[in-house]
């Protein structure tokens, strides 16, 4: 499952994820989500976009629980409205929804 690292926080491996995502090698070297602000478009189908964003969400939630990760993925893939397009918007949405779910 996920591991904690001392300098970068949480590390998520592709095998930690519930869903499978394409590995879009053409955009692999493009800088990914590293925090707010980030107005760049988010590609929900690109593994190289999904992992850094989910790592940031999990760090914000203070969780290393795989069930929380799976639920965040479920929200991102199945429940998040299509009009949420930027990395920052996706991050804010996932943190807000997951925070609310974890409070219950």
Protein backbone atom coordinates (compact mmCIF):
# COMPACT_ATOMS: atom_id res chain seq x y z
CA UNK A 1 0.00 0.00 0.00
CA UNK A 2 1.03 3.63 0.13
CA UNK A 3 4.25 4.57 1.84
CA UNK A 4 5.33 7.64 3.71
CA UNK A 5 8.54 9.37 2.77
CA UNK A 6 10.30 11.88 4.95
CA UNK A 7 10.83 14.70 2.48
CA UNK A 8 7.93 14.56 0.04
CA UNK A 9 5.13 13.21 2.24
CA UNK A 10 3.03 10.44 0.78
CA UNK A 11 4.05 8.28 -2.18
CA UNK A 12 1.35 6.53 -4.20
CA UNK A 13 2.32 3.79 -6.63
CA UNK A 14 0.16 2.81 -9.61
CA UNK A 15 -0.55 -0.51 -7.88
CA UNK A 16 -2.08 1.41 -4.92
CA UNK A 17 -4.85 2.77 -7.13
CA UNK A 18 -8.20 1.10 -7.62
CA UNK A 19 -8.71 2.34 -11.17
CA UNK A 20 -6.35 1.96 -14.12
CA UNK A 21 -5.19 5.07 -15.95
CA UNK A 22 -3.41 5.58 -19.25
CA UNK A 23 0.29 6.42 -19.08
CA UNK A 24 0.44 9.38 -21.43
CA UNK A 25 4.16 9.43 -22.10
CA UNK A 26 3.94 12.42 -24.44
CA UNK A 27 3.11 14.68 -21.48
CA UNK A 28 5.03 12.80 -18.79
CA UNK A 29 7.78 15.46 -18.53
CA UNK A 30 5.31 18.34 -18.25
CA UNK A 31 5.28 19.70 -14.66
CA UNK A 32 2.42 18.23 -12.62
CA UNK A 33 0.39 19.48 -9.65
CA UNK A 34 2.71 20.74 -6.93
CA UNK A 35 0.25 22.86 -4.97
CA UNK A 36 -1.95 25.87 -5.34
CA UNK A 37 -2.31 27.98 -7.35
CA UNK A 38 -2.40 25.77 -10.43
CA UNK A 39 -4.74 26.87 -13.23
CA UNK A 40 -3.52 24.19 -15.68
CA UNK A 41 -6.09 21.71 -17.03
CA UNK A 42 -6.29 18.37 -15.23
CA UNK A 43 -6.35 15.16 -17.27
CA UNK A 44 -8.40 12.67 -15.24
CA UNK A 45 -7.28 9.82 -17.48
CA UNK A 46 -3.50 10.33 -17.19
CA UNK A 47 -1.70 8.34 -14.51
CA UNK A 48 1.08 10.94 -14.41
CA UNK A 49 -1.49 13.64 -13.57
CA UNK A 50 -3.59 11.57 -11.17
CA UNK A 51 -0.85 10.36 -8.82
CA UNK A 52 0.63 13.75 -7.79
CA UNK A 53 -2.83 15.21 -7.31
CA UNK A 54 -4.04 12.30 -5.18
CA UNK A 55 -0.82 12.43 -3.15
CA UNK A 56 -1.53 16.09 -2.39
CA UNK A 57 -5.16 15.34 -1.49
CA UNK A 58 -4.17 12.49 0.83
CA UNK A 59 -1.52 14.69 2.48
CA UNK A 60 -4.10 17.46 3.01
CA UNK A 61 -6.42 14.91 4.59
CA UNK A 62 -3.59 13.54 6.74
CA UNK A 63 -4.41 10.00 5.65
CA UNK A 64 -2.51 6.98 4.38
CA UNK A 65 -5.60 4.75 4.45
CA UNK A 66 -6.16 2.89 1.19
CA UNK A 67 -9.94 3.06 1.67
CA UNK A 68 -9.75 6.85 1.73
CA UNK A 69 -7.64 6.80 -1.45
CA UNK A 70 -10.14 4.50 -3.20
CA UNK A 71 -13.04 6.73 -2.17
CA UNK A 72 -11.20 9.84 -3.41
CA UNK A 73 -10.64 8.08 -6.74
CA UNK A 74 -14.31 7.13 -6.89
CA UNK A 75 -15.31 10.74 -6.33
CA UNK A 76 -12.85 11.94 -8.99
CA UNK A 77 -13.85 9.35 -11.60
CA UNK A 78 -17.60 8.99 -11.03
CA UNK A 79 -18.96 11.90 -9.03
CA UNK A 80 -16.95 15.05 -9.72
CA UNK A 81 -18.77 17.38 -12.13
CA UNK A 82 -17.27 17.76 -15.59
CA UNK A 83 -17.09 21.55 -15.26
CA UNK A 84 -14.31 21.10 -12.69
CA UNK A 85 -11.35 21.20 -15.03
CA UNK A 86 -8.23 22.75 -13.50
CA UNK A 87 -5.82 20.97 -11.17
CA UNK A 88 -6.60 23.49 -8.44
CA UNK A 89 -10.36 22.96 -8.81
CA UNK A 90 -9.97 19.17 -8.72
CA UNK A 91 -7.76 19.40 -5.63
CA UNK A 92 -10.18 21.75 -3.84
CA UNK A 93 -13.17 19.58 -4.74
CA UNK A 94 -11.58 16.34 -3.58
CA UNK A 95 -10.29 17.82 -0.33
CA UNK A 96 -13.70 19.36 0.44
CA UNK A 97 -15.73 16.25 -0.40
CA UNK A 98 -13.36 13.84 1.34
CA UNK A 99 -13.09 16.06 4.44
CA UNK A 100 -16.86 16.06 4.71
CA UNK A 101 -17.05 12.29 4.24
CA UNK A 102 -14.35 11.66 6.84
CA UNK A 103 -16.15 13.82 9.41
CA UNK A 104 -19.18 11.52 9.28
